[in-house]
């Protein structure tokens, strides 16, 4: 949990209060799962809006240097002016680790 105050690109001050919870679990030597949630309240130039996001991620080792990660994220923004907006995202990423020598 925390609070920050910083300037925006328009010269206003923005205050953000947030709290985050994350859990990581190694299932076995080949796979892991993680979950995270975050809530924040943002105030700037007399406007207040709330942001909530939660995500779930599964990672599986496919080969010695290759991993696949499947993730789902839900986001919700709620403010007094524009109302509510929601987004759902599903991502599949394949990564391969390598070392480049000069």
PDB file of N, CA and C in Angstrom:
ATOM      1  N   UNK A   1       0.846  -1.179   0.000  1.00  0.00           N
ATOM      2  CA  UNK A   1       0.000   0.000   0.000  1.00  0.00           C
ATOM      3  C   UNK A   1       0.890   1.239   0.000  1.00  0.00           C
ATOM      4  N   UNK A   2       0.403   2.279  -0.637  1.00  0.00           N
ATOM      5  CA  UNK A   2       1.192   3.494  -0.671  1.00  0.00           C
ATOM      6  C   UNK A   2       0.434   4.658  -1.261  1.00  0.00           C
ATOM      7  N   UNK A   3       1.060   5.811  -1.189  1.00  0.00           N
ATOM      8  CA  UNK A   3       0.499   7.037  -1.748  1.00  0.00           C
ATOM      9  C   UNK A   3       1.621   7.839  -2.374  1.00  0.00           C
ATOM     10  N   UNK A   4       1.379   8.352  -3.580  1.00  0.00           N
ATOM     11  CA  UNK A   4       2.353   9.210  -4.245  1.00  0.00           C
ATOM     12  C   UNK A   4       1.653  10.452  -4.774  1.00  0.00           C
ATOM     13  N   UNK A   5       2.372  11.539  -4.808  1.00  0.00           N
ATOM     14  CA  UNK A   5       1.901  12.775  -5.421  1.00  0.00           C
ATOM     15  C   UNK A   5       2.964  13.231  -6.407  1.00  0.00           C
ATOM     16  N   UNK A   6       2.544  13.475  -7.656  1.00  0.00           N
ATOM     17  CA  UNK A   6       3.499  13.859  -8.697  1.00  0.00           C
ATOM     18  C   UNK A   6       2.817  14.775  -9.702  1.00  0.00           C
ATOM     19  N   UNK A   7       3.593  15.551 -10.472  1.00  0.00           N
ATOM     20  CA  UNK A   7       3.003  16.417 -11.485  1.00  0.00           C
ATOM     21  C   UNK A   7       2.605  15.619 -12.722  1.00  0.00           C
ATOM     22  N   UNK A   8       1.561  16.094 -13.400  1.00  0.00           N
ATOM     23  CA  UNK A   8       1.145  15.495 -14.673  1.00  0.00           C
ATOM     24  C   UNK A   8       1.785  16.277 -15.815  1.00  0.00           C
ATOM     25  N   UNK A   9       1.599  15.819 -17.045  1.00  0.00           N
ATOM     26  CA  UNK A   9       2.166  16.520 -18.195  1.00  0.00           C
ATOM     27  C   UNK A   9       1.497  17.875 -18.410  1.00  0.00           C
ATOM     28  N   UNK A  10       0.312  18.081 -17.825  1.00  0.00           N
ATOM     29  CA  UNK A  10      -0.386  19.360 -17.953  1.00  0.00           C
ATOM     30  C   UNK A  10      -0.077  20.316 -16.806  1.00  0.00           C
ATOM     31  N   UNK A  11       0.792  19.903 -15.879  1.00  0.00           N
ATOM     32  CA  UNK A  11       1.190  20.769 -14.787  1.00  0.00           C
ATOM     33  C   UNK A  11       0.343  20.650 -13.537  1.00  0.00           C
ATOM     34  N   UNK A  12      -0.641  19.770 -13.522  1.00  0.00           N
ATOM     35  CA  UNK A  12      -1.453  19.543 -12.326  1.00  0.00           C
ATOM     36  C   UNK A  12      -0.753  18.543 -11.411  1.00  0.00           C
ATOM     37  N   UNK A  13      -1.162  18.535 -10.153  1.00  0.00           N
ATOM     38  CA  UNK A  13      -0.669  17.523  -9.234  1.00  0.00           C
ATOM     39  C   UNK A  13      -1.633  16.346  -9.219  1.00  0.00           C
ATOM     40  N   UNK A  14      -1.082  15.141  -9.262  1.00  0.00           N
ATOM     41  CA  UNK A  14      -1.875  13.923  -9.224  1.00  0.00           C
ATOM     42  C   UNK A  14      -1.490  13.128  -7.976  1.00  0.00           C
ATOM     43  N   UNK A  15      -2.514  12.712  -7.214  1.00  0.00           N
ATOM     44  CA  UNK A  15      -2.297  11.882  -6.041  1.00  0.00           C
ATOM     45  C   UNK A  15      -2.860  10.497  -6.316  1.00  0.00           C
ATOM     46  N   UNK A  16      -2.046   9.477  -6.070  1.00  0.00           N
ATOM     47  CA  UNK A  16      -2.449   8.086  -6.293  1.00  0.00           C
ATOM     48  C   UNK A  16      -2.281   7.319  -4.987  1.00  0.00           C
ATOM     49  N   UNK A  17      -3.356   6.705  -4.538  1.00  0.00           N
ATOM     50  CA  UNK A  17      -3.327   5.809  -3.382  1.00  0.00           C
ATOM     51  C   UNK A  17      -3.580   4.401  -3.907  1.00  0.00           C
ATOM     52  N   UNK A  18      -2.727   3.440  -3.543  1.00  0.00           N
ATOM     53  CA  UNK A  18      -2.891   2.107  -4.109  1.00  0.00           C
ATOM     54  C   UNK A  18      -2.533   1.019  -3.113  1.00  0.00           C
ATOM     55  N   UNK A  19      -3.094  -0.154  -3.367  1.00  0.00           N
ATOM     56  CA  UNK A  19      -2.788  -1.358  -2.601  1.00  0.00           C
ATOM     57  C   UNK A  19      -2.699  -2.516  -3.597  1.00  0.00           C
ATOM     58  N   UNK A  20      -1.729  -3.426  -3.374  1.00  0.00           N
ATOM     59  CA  UNK A  20      -1.497  -4.540  -4.295  1.00  0.00           C
ATOM     60  C   UNK A  20      -1.237  -5.814  -3.501  1.00  0.00           C
ATOM     61  N   UNK A  21      -1.760  -6.915  -4.020  1.00  0.00           N
ATOM     62  CA  UNK A  21      -1.552  -8.228  -3.436  1.00  0.00           C
ATOM     63  C   UNK A  21      -1.131  -9.176  -4.550  1.00  0.00           C
ATOM     64  N   UNK A  22      -0.043  -9.915  -4.333  1.00  0.00           N
ATOM     65  CA  UNK A  22       0.448 -10.860  -5.344  1.00  0.00           C
ATOM     66  C   UNK A  22       0.837 -12.171  -4.676  1.00  0.00           C
ATOM     67  N   UNK A  23       0.544 -13.263  -5.362  1.00  0.00           N
ATOM     68  CA  UNK A  23       0.878 -14.601  -4.880  1.00  0.00           C
ATOM     69  C   UNK A  23       1.547 -15.362  -6.016  1.00  0.00           C
ATOM     70  N   UNK A  24       2.687 -15.987  -5.741  1.00  0.00           N
ATOM     71  CA  UNK A  24       3.395 -16.815  -6.716  1.00  0.00           C
ATOM     72  C   UNK A  24       3.521 -18.222  -6.148  1.00  0.00           C
ATOM     73  N   UNK A  25       3.334 -19.213  -7.012  1.00  0.00           N
ATOM     74  CA  UNK A  25       3.435 -20.599  -6.567  1.00  0.00           C
ATOM     75  C   UNK A  25       4.110 -21.437  -7.649  1.00  0.00           C
ATOM     76  N   UNK A  26       5.189 -22.113  -7.262  1.00  0.00           N
ATOM     77  CA  UNK A  26       5.853 -23.038  -8.168  1.00  0.00           C
ATOM     78  C   UNK A  26       5.146 -24.386  -8.050  1.00  0.00           C
ATOM     79  N   UNK A  27       4.577 -24.866  -9.134  1.00  0.00           N
ATOM     80  CA  UNK A  27       3.842 -26.126  -9.116  1.00  0.00           C
ATOM     81  C   UNK A  27       4.817 -27.302  -9.094  1.00  0.00           C
ATOM     82  N   UNK A  28       5.784 -27.274  -9.991  1.00  0.00           N
ATOM     83  CA  UNK A  28       6.864 -28.261 -10.047  1.00  0.00           C
ATOM     84  C   UNK A  28       8.038 -27.618 -10.785  1.00  0.00           C
ATOM     85  N   UNK A  29       9.058 -28.380 -11.162  1.00  0.00           N
ATOM     86  CA  UNK A  29      10.228 -27.777 -11.804  1.00  0.00           C
ATOM     87  C   UNK A  29       9.942 -27.310 -13.234  1.00  0.00           C
ATOM     88  N   UNK A  30       8.757 -27.637 -13.770  1.00  0.00           N
ATOM     89  CA  UNK A  30       8.407 -27.263 -15.146  1.00  0.00           C
ATOM     90  C   UNK A  30       7.378 -26.131 -15.237  1.00  0.00           C
ATOM     91  N   UNK A  31       6.641 -25.852 -14.168  1.00  0.00           N
ATOM     92  CA  UNK A  31       5.565 -24.868 -14.294  1.00  0.00           C
ATOM     93  C   UNK A  31       5.332 -24.098 -12.994  1.00  0.00           C
ATOM     94  N   UNK A  32       4.726 -22.918 -13.165  1.00  0.00           N
ATOM     95  CA  UNK A  32       4.384 -22.070 -12.022  1.00  0.00           C
ATOM     96  C   UNK A  32       3.120 -21.281 -12.345  1.00  0.00           C
ATOM     97  N   UNK A  33       2.500 -20.770 -11.292  1.00  0.00           N
ATOM     98  CA  UNK A  33       1.282 -19.984 -11.443  1.00  0.00           C
ATOM     99  C   UNK A  33       1.384 -18.765 -10.522  1.00  0.00           C
ATOM    100  N   UNK A  34       0.806 -17.662 -10.938  1.00  0.00           N
ATOM    101  CA  UNK A  34       0.802 -16.464 -10.095  1.00  0.00           C
ATOM    102  C   UNK A  34      -0.508 -15.706 -10.285  1.00  0.00           C
ATOM    103  N   UNK A  35      -0.885 -14.986  -9.243  1.00  0.00           N
ATOM    104  CA  UNK A  35      -2.093 -14.163  -9.276  1.00  0.00           C
ATOM    105  C   UNK A  35      -1.767 -12.832  -8.607  1.00  0.00           C
ATOM    106  N   UNK A  36      -2.383 -11.770  -9.106  1.00  0.00           N
ATOM    107  CA  UNK A  36      -2.154 -10.436  -8.536  1.00  0.00           C
ATOM    108  C   UNK A  36      -3.419  -9.597  -8.686  1.00  0.00           C
ATOM    109  N   UNK A  37      -3.644  -8.722  -7.711  1.00  0.00           N
ATOM    110  CA  UNK A  37      -4.746  -7.759  -7.766  1.00  0.00           C
ATOM    111  C   UNK A  37      -4.241  -6.415  -7.274  1.00  0.00           C
ATOM    112  N   UNK A  38      -4.778  -5.354  -7.856  1.00  0.00           N
ATOM    113  CA  UNK A  38      -4.389  -4.001  -7.451  1.00  0.00           C
ATOM    114  C   UNK A  38      -5.600  -3.088  -7.521  1.00  0.00           C
ATOM    115  N   UNK A  39      -5.719  -2.234  -6.500  1.00  0.00           N
ATOM    116  CA  UNK A  39      -6.747  -1.198  -6.471  1.00  0.00           C
ATOM    117  C   UNK A  39      -6.050   0.137  -6.249  1.00  0.00           C
ATOM    118  N   UNK A  40      -6.445   1.141  -7.017  1.00  0.00           N
ATOM    119  CA  UNK A  40      -5.888   2.477  -6.792  1.00  0.00           C
ATOM    120  C   UNK A  40      -6.965   3.532  -6.985  1.00  0.00           C
ATOM    121  N   UNK A  41      -6.798   4.631  -6.258  1.00  0.00           N
ATOM    122  CA  UNK A  41      -7.676   5.787  -6.374  1.00  0.00           C
ATOM    123  C   UNK A  41      -6.801   6.959  -6.796  1.00  0.00           C
ATOM    124  N   UNK A  42      -7.177   7.609  -7.897  1.00  0.00           N
ATOM    125  CA  UNK A  42      -6.386   8.692  -8.471  1.00  0.00           C
ATOM    126  C   UNK A  42      -7.168   9.993  -8.409  1.00  0.00           C
ATOM    127  N   UNK A  43      -6.494  11.064  -7.987  1.00  0.00           N
ATOM    128  CA  UNK A  43      -7.102  12.392  -7.925  1.00  0.00           C
ATOM    129  C   UNK A  43      -6.200  13.375  -8.663  1.00  0.00           C
ATOM    130  N   UNK A  44      -6.804  14.135  -9.585  1.00  0.00           N
ATOM    131  CA  UNK A  44      -6.057  15.142 -10.330  1.00  0.00           C
ATOM    132  C   UNK A  44      -7.015  16.198 -10.861  1.00  0.00           C
ATOM    133  N   UNK A  45      -6.714  17.446 -10.622  1.00  0.00           N
ATOM    134  CA  UNK A  45      -7.490  18.590 -11.122  1.00  0.00           C
ATOM    135  C   UNK A  45      -8.972  18.464 -10.789  1.00  0.00           C
ATOM    136  N   UNK A  46      -9.282  18.029  -9.583  1.00  0.00           N
ATOM    137  CA  UNK A  46     -10.673  17.932  -9.150  1.00  0.00           C
ATOM    138  C   UNK A  46     -11.401  16.690  -9.638  1.00  0.00           C
ATOM    139  N   UNK A  47     -10.737  15.822 -10.370  1.00  0.00           N
ATOM    140  CA  UNK A  47     -11.345  14.589 -10.877  1.00  0.00           C
ATOM    141  C   UNK A  47     -10.796  13.400 -10.109  1.00  0.00           C
ATOM    142  N   UNK A  48     -11.682  12.510  -9.708  1.00  0.00           N
ATOM    143  CA  UNK A  48     -11.286  11.302  -8.994  1.00  0.00           C
ATOM    144  C   UNK A  48     -11.748  10.087  -9.778  1.00  0.00           C
ATOM    145  N   UNK A  49     -10.874   9.098  -9.927  1.00  0.00           N
ATOM    146  CA  UNK A  49     -11.287   7.839 -10.547  1.00  0.00           C
ATOM    147  C   UNK A  49     -10.600   6.667  -9.856  1.00  0.00           C
ATOM    148  N   UNK A  50     -11.272   5.526  -9.910  1.00  0.00           N
ATOM    149  CA  UNK A  50     -10.788   4.302  -9.289  1.00  0.00           C
ATOM    150  C   UNK A  50     -10.355   3.322 -10.375  1.00  0.00           C
ATOM    151  N   UNK A  51      -9.258   2.630 -10.138  1.00  0.00           N
ATOM    152  CA  UNK A  51      -8.781   1.586 -11.031  1.00  0.00           C
ATOM    153  C   UNK A  51      -8.663   0.282 -10.252  1.00  0.00           C
ATOM    154  N   UNK A  52      -9.148  -0.806 -10.857  1.00  0.00           N
ATOM    155  CA  UNK A  52      -9.001  -2.129 -10.274  1.00  0.00           C
ATOM    156  C   UNK A  52      -8.516  -3.075 -11.355  1.00  0.00           C
ATOM    157  N   UNK A  53      -7.520  -3.876 -11.039  1.00  0.00           N
ATOM    158  CA  UNK A  53      -7.059  -4.887 -11.993  1.00  0.00           C
ATOM    159  C   UNK A  53      -6.714  -6.167 -11.252  1.00  0.00           C
ATOM    160  N   UNK A  54      -6.927  -7.267 -11.924  1.00  0.00           N
ATOM    161  CA  UNK A  54      -6.556  -8.567 -11.386  1.00  0.00           C
ATOM    162  C   UNK A  54      -6.035  -9.423 -12.536  1.00  0.00           C
ATOM    163  N   UNK A  55      -5.052 -10.246 -12.242  1.00  0.00           N
ATOM    164  CA  UNK A  55      -4.465 -11.063 -13.303  1.00  0.00           C
ATOM    165  C   UNK A  55      -4.099 -12.443 -12.783  1.00  0.00           C
ATOM    166  N   UNK A  56      -4.073 -13.384 -13.706  1.00  0.00           N
ATOM    167  CA  UNK A  56      -3.695 -14.757 -13.434  1.00  0.00           C
ATOM    168  C   UNK A  56      -2.725 -15.177 -14.527  1.00  0.00           C
ATOM    169  N   UNK A  57      -1.598 -15.789 -14.136  1.00  0.00           N
ATOM    170  CA  UNK A  57      -0.550 -16.147 -15.105  1.00  0.00           C
ATOM    171  C   UNK A  57      -0.069 -17.572 -14.855  1.00  0.00           C
ATOM    172  N   UNK A  58       0.046 -18.344 -15.944  1.00  0.00           N
ATOM    173  CA  UNK A  58       0.575 -19.709 -15.878  1.00  0.00           C
ATOM    174  C   UNK A  58       1.789 -19.778 -16.798  1.00  0.00           C
ATOM    175  N   UNK A  59       2.913 -20.252 -16.264  1.00  0.00           N
ATOM    176  CA  UNK A  59       4.145 -20.375 -17.045  1.00  0.00           C
ATOM    177  C   UNK A  59       4.573 -21.839 -17.069  1.00  0.00           C
ATOM    178  N   UNK A  60       4.950 -22.306 -18.271  1.00  0.00           N
ATOM    179  CA  UNK A  60       5.369 -23.698 -18.453  1.00  0.00           C
ATOM    180  C   UNK A  60       6.672 -23.732 -19.238  1.00  0.00           C
ATOM    181  N   UNK A  61       7.646 -24.481 -18.735  1.00  0.00           N
ATOM    182  CA  UNK A  61       8.907 -24.667 -19.456  1.00  0.00           C
ATOM    183  C   UNK A  61       8.677 -25.699 -20.556  1.00  0.00           C
ATOM    184  N   UNK A  62       8.964 -25.300 -21.805  1.00  0.00           N
ATOM    185  CA  UNK A  62       8.786 -26.200 -22.940  1.00  0.00           C
ATOM    186  C   UNK A  62      10.069 -26.940 -23.284  1.00  0.00           C
ATOM    187  N   UNK A  63      11.176 -26.262 -23.115  1.00  0.00           N
ATOM    188  CA  UNK A  63      12.491 -26.836 -23.384  1.00  0.00           C
ATOM    189  C   UNK A  63      13.479 -26.136 -22.450  1.00  0.00           C
ATOM    190  N   UNK A  64      14.767 -26.467 -22.577  1.00  0.00           N
ATOM    191  CA  UNK A  64      15.758 -25.933 -21.644  1.00  0.00           C
ATOM    192  C   UNK A  64      15.755 -24.405 -21.565  1.00  0.00           C
ATOM    193  N   UNK A  65      15.643 -23.732 -22.687  1.00  0.00           N
ATOM    194  CA  UNK A  65      15.682 -22.260 -22.711  1.00  0.00           C
ATOM    195  C   UNK A  65      14.393 -21.641 -23.258  1.00  0.00           C
ATOM    196  N   UNK A  66      13.317 -22.419 -23.320  1.00  0.00           N
ATOM    197  CA  UNK A  66      12.077 -21.924 -23.918  1.00  0.00           C
ATOM    198  C   UNK A  66      10.916 -22.074 -22.936  1.00  0.00           C
ATOM    199  N   UNK A  67      10.159 -20.990 -22.762  1.00  0.00           N
ATOM    200  CA  UNK A  67       8.997 -20.971 -21.869  1.00  0.00           C
ATOM    201  C   UNK A  67       7.767 -20.469 -22.609  1.00  0.00           C
ATOM    202  N   UNK A  68       6.602 -20.924 -22.169  1.00  0.00           N
ATOM    203  CA  UNK A  68       5.322 -20.401 -22.649  1.00  0.00           C
ATOM    204  C   UNK A  68       4.584 -19.833 -21.444  1.00  0.00           C
ATOM    205  N   UNK A  69       4.003 -18.646 -21.607  1.00  0.00           N
ATOM    206  CA  UNK A  69       3.247 -18.006 -20.531  1.00  0.00           C
ATOM    207  C   UNK A  69       1.867 -17.627 -21.055  1.00  0.00           C
ATOM    208  N   UNK A  70       0.841 -18.082 -20.373  1.00  0.00           N
ATOM    209  CA  UNK A  70      -0.538 -17.738 -20.686  1.00  0.00           C
ATOM    210  C   UNK A  70      -1.051 -16.872 -19.542  1.00  0.00           C
ATOM    211  N   UNK A  71      -1.574 -15.698 -19.871  1.00  0.00           N
ATOM    212  CA  UNK A  71      -2.051 -14.803 -18.819  1.00  0.00           C
ATOM    213  C   UNK A  71      -3.410 -14.210 -19.175  1.00  0.00           C
ATOM    214  N   UNK A  72      -4.177 -13.924 -18.137  1.00  0.00           N
ATOM    215  CA  UNK A  72      -5.483 -13.268 -18.254  1.00  0.00           C
ATOM    216  C   UNK A  72      -5.482 -12.066 -17.316  1.00  0.00           C
ATOM    217  N   UNK A  73      -5.954 -10.920 -17.807  1.00  0.00           N
ATOM    218  CA  UNK A  73      -6.032  -9.705 -17.000  1.00  0.00           C
ATOM    219  C   UNK A  73      -7.413  -9.070 -17.164  1.00  0.00           C
ATOM    220  N   UNK A  74      -8.005  -8.679 -16.050  1.00  0.00           N
ATOM    221  CA  UNK A  74      -9.252  -7.919 -16.028  1.00  0.00           C
ATOM    222  C   UNK A  74      -8.958  -6.552 -15.445  1.00  0.00           C
ATOM    223  N   UNK A  75      -9.439  -5.503 -16.108  1.00  0.00           N
ATOM    224  CA  UNK A  75      -9.244  -4.132 -15.627  1.00  0.00           C
ATOM    225  C   UNK A  75     -10.579  -3.410 -15.610  1.00  0.00           C
ATOM    226  N   UNK A  76     -10.785  -2.579 -14.583  1.00  0.00           N
ATOM    227  CA  UNK A  76     -11.999  -1.787 -14.459  1.00  0.00           C
ATOM    228  C   UNK A  76     -11.622  -0.382 -14.017  1.00  0.00           C
ATOM    229  N   UNK A  77     -12.141   0.624 -14.727  1.00  0.00           N
ATOM    230  CA  UNK A  77     -11.946   2.031 -14.354  1.00  0.00           C
ATOM    231  C   UNK A  77     -13.314   2.631 -14.126  1.00  0.00           C
ATOM    232  N   UNK A  78     -13.444   3.349 -13.022  1.00  0.00           N
ATOM    233  CA  UNK A  78     -14.713   3.953 -12.667  1.00  0.00           C
ATOM    234  C   UNK A  78     -14.455   5.388 -12.233  1.00  0.00           C
ATOM    235  N   UNK A  79     -15.091   6.358 -12.907  1.00  0.00           N
ATOM    236  CA  UNK A  79     -14.932   7.751 -12.506  1.00  0.00           C
ATOM    237  C   UNK A  79     -16.257   8.489 -12.565  1.00  0.00           C
ATOM    238  N   UNK A  80     -16.271   9.682 -11.976  1.00  0.00           N
ATOM    239  CA  UNK A  80     -17.489  10.475 -11.880  1.00  0.00           C
ATOM    240  C   UNK A  80     -17.900  11.064 -13.222  1.00  0.00           C
ATOM    241  N   UNK A  81     -16.948  11.316 -14.124  1.00  0.00           N
ATOM    242  CA  UNK A  81     -17.236  12.012 -15.379  1.00  0.00           C
ATOM    243  C   UNK A  81     -17.624  11.050 -16.501  1.00  0.00           C
ATOM    244  N   UNK A  82     -16.811  10.032 -16.748  1.00  0.00           N
ATOM    245  CA  UNK A  82     -17.030   9.146 -17.887  1.00  0.00           C
ATOM    246  C   UNK A  82     -17.770   7.861 -17.530  1.00  0.00           C
ATOM    247  N   UNK A  83     -17.928   7.549 -16.262  1.00  0.00           N
ATOM    248  CA  UNK A  83     -18.600   6.313 -15.876  1.00  0.00           C
ATOM    249  C   UNK A  83     -17.619   5.172 -15.715  1.00  0.00           C
ATOM    250  N   UNK A  84     -18.030   3.999 -16.181  1.00  0.00           N
ATOM    251  CA  UNK A  84     -17.230   2.796 -15.978  1.00  0.00           C
ATOM    252  C   UNK A  84     -16.757   2.223 -17.311  1.00  0.00           C
ATOM    253  N   UNK A  85     -15.536   1.696 -17.322  1.00  0.00           N
ATOM    254  CA  UNK A  85     -14.991   1.019 -18.497  1.00  0.00           C
ATOM    255  C   UNK A  85     -14.278  -0.236 -18.032  1.00  0.00           C
ATOM    256  N   UNK A  86     -14.428  -1.312 -18.806  1.00  0.00           N
ATOM    257  CA  UNK A  86     -13.806  -2.576 -18.454  1.00  0.00           C
ATOM    258  C   UNK A  86     -13.020  -3.124 -19.629  1.00  0.00           C
ATOM    259  N   UNK A  87     -11.980  -3.907 -19.317  1.00  0.00           N
ATOM    260  CA  UNK A  87     -11.180  -4.551 -20.362  1.00  0.00           C
ATOM    261  C   UNK A  87     -10.766  -5.934 -19.885  1.00  0.00           C
ATOM    262  N   UNK A  88     -10.782  -6.888 -20.813  1.00  0.00           N
ATOM    263  CA  UNK A  88     -10.313  -8.246 -20.568  1.00  0.00           C
ATOM    264  C   UNK A  88      -9.223  -8.539 -21.580  1.00  0.00           C
ATOM    265  N   UNK A  89      -8.099  -9.088 -21.115  1.00  0.00           N
ATOM    266  CA  UNK A  89      -6.972  -9.358 -22.009  1.00  0.00           C
ATOM    267  C   UNK A  89      -6.461 -10.770 -21.763  1.00  0.00           C
ATOM    268  N   UNK A  90      -6.261 -11.513 -22.844  1.00  0.00           N
ATOM    269  CA  UNK A  90      -5.634 -12.831 -22.785  1.00  0.00           C
ATOM    270  C   UNK A  90      -4.376 -12.764 -23.637  1.00  0.00           C
ATOM    271  N   UNK A  91      -3.245 -13.189 -23.071  1.00  0.00           N
ATOM    272  CA  UNK A  91      -1.959 -13.101 -23.763  1.00  0.00           C
ATOM    273  C   UNK A  91      -1.250 -14.448 -23.694  1.00  0.00           C
ATOM    274  N   UNK A  92      -0.676 -14.846 -24.824  1.00  0.00           N
ATOM    275  CA  UNK A  92       0.187 -16.021 -24.877  1.00  0.00           C
ATOM    276  C   UNK A  92       1.555 -15.549 -25.347  1.00  0.00           C
ATOM    277  N   UNK A  93       2.580 -15.813 -24.549  1.00  0.00           N
ATOM    278  CA  UNK A  93       3.937 -15.378 -24.895  1.00  0.00           C
ATOM    279  C   UNK A  93       4.869 -16.586 -24.911  1.00  0.00           C
ATOM    280  N   UNK A  94       5.700 -16.663 -25.925  1.00  0.00           N
ATOM    281  CA  UNK A  94       6.761 -17.663 -26.004  1.00  0.00           C
ATOM    282  C   UNK A  94       8.084 -16.934 -25.871  1.00  0.00           C
ATOM    283  N   UNK A  95       8.927 -17.383 -24.950  1.00  0.00           N
ATOM    284  CA  UNK A  95      10.227 -16.740 -24.750  1.00  0.00           C
ATOM    285  C   UNK A  95      11.332 -17.774 -24.886  1.00  0.00           C
ATOM    286  N   UNK A  96      12.450 -17.320 -25.426  1.00  0.00           N
ATOM    287  CA  UNK A  96      13.632 -18.171 -25.579  1.00  0.00           C
ATOM    288  C   UNK A  96      14.835 -17.394 -25.048  1.00  0.00           C
ATOM    289  N   UNK A  97      15.513 -17.941 -24.059  1.00  0.00           N
ATOM    290  CA  UNK A  97      16.687 -17.311 -23.470  1.00  0.00           C
ATOM    291  C   UNK A  97      17.931 -17.670 -24.276  1.00  0.00           C
ATOM    292  N   UNK A  98      18.789 -16.673 -24.483  1.00  0.00           N
ATOM    293  CA  UNK A  98      20.041 -16.928 -25.174  1.00  0.00           C
ATOM    294  C   UNK A  98      21.089 -15.937 -24.710  1.00  0.00           C
ATOM    295  N   UNK A  99      22.340 -16.279 -24.913  1.00  0.00           N
ATOM    296  CA  UNK A  99      23.447 -15.403 -24.558  1.00  0.00           C
ATOM    297  C   UNK A  99      24.196 -15.048 -25.839  1.00  0.00           C
ATOM    298  N   UNK A 100      24.348 -13.746 -26.060  1.00  0.00           N
ATOM    299  CA  UNK A 100      25.107 -13.268 -27.214  1.00  0.00           C
ATOM    300  C   UNK A 100      26.504 -12.878 -26.750  1.00  0.00           C
ATOM    301  N   UNK A 101      27.490 -13.430 -27.385  1.00  0.00           N
ATOM    302  CA  UNK A 101      28.868 -13.147 -27.032  1.00  0.00           C
ATOM    303  C   UNK A 101      29.457 -12.143 -28.022  1.00  0.00           C
ATOM    304  N   UNK A 102      30.326 -11.231 -27.553  1.00  0.00           N
ATOM    305  CA  UNK A 102      30.916 -10.232 -28.460  1.00  0.00           C
ATOM    306  C   UNK A 102      31.951 -10.856 -29.393  1.00  0.00           C
TER     307      UNK A 102
END
